[in-house]
Amino acid sequence: QVQLVESGGGLVQAGGSLRLSCAASGRTFTMGWFRQALGKEREFVATIRRSDEATRYADSVTGRFTISRDNVKNTVYLQMNSLKPEDTAVYYCAAKAKFVISSLDTYTLWSKYDSWGQGTQVTVSS
């Protein structure tokens, strides 16, 4: 496991942008973002693999959000554009610190990761 610290959340108007960051205390392999809105279940947002930076996105954010990573800094980013009120949620960073051969598609599951951050609040006003 590694320690994860998210930053960059805040309040933004609809149509605006935010960039979330998640710094890991050590080397990670696949990293991802999840979110949980008040009263709703946690849902997958995006994931990125270390080796080739392949990505997967939830349909709800495709074309608006971009996940990227800096392997030197052990940091993953989530650039969020064209934000909507329904994007309001606590955003959580997740990481896989142990190398496992597995399809990137499986990393849409929270349980696939072994390290999780505390979350950062994103609020989009209408």
Foldseek 3Di string as FASTA:
>chain_A
DWAKDKDWADEEAAQAKIKMKIFTPDAFFKKFKWWDAVPGDIFGAKMFGDPPRDMDGDPVQPPFWDWDDDRVRRMIMIIGGRDDQVVWTWMKMFTARDDDDDDVVVVRDPVVTDYMYPTDTHGYHD
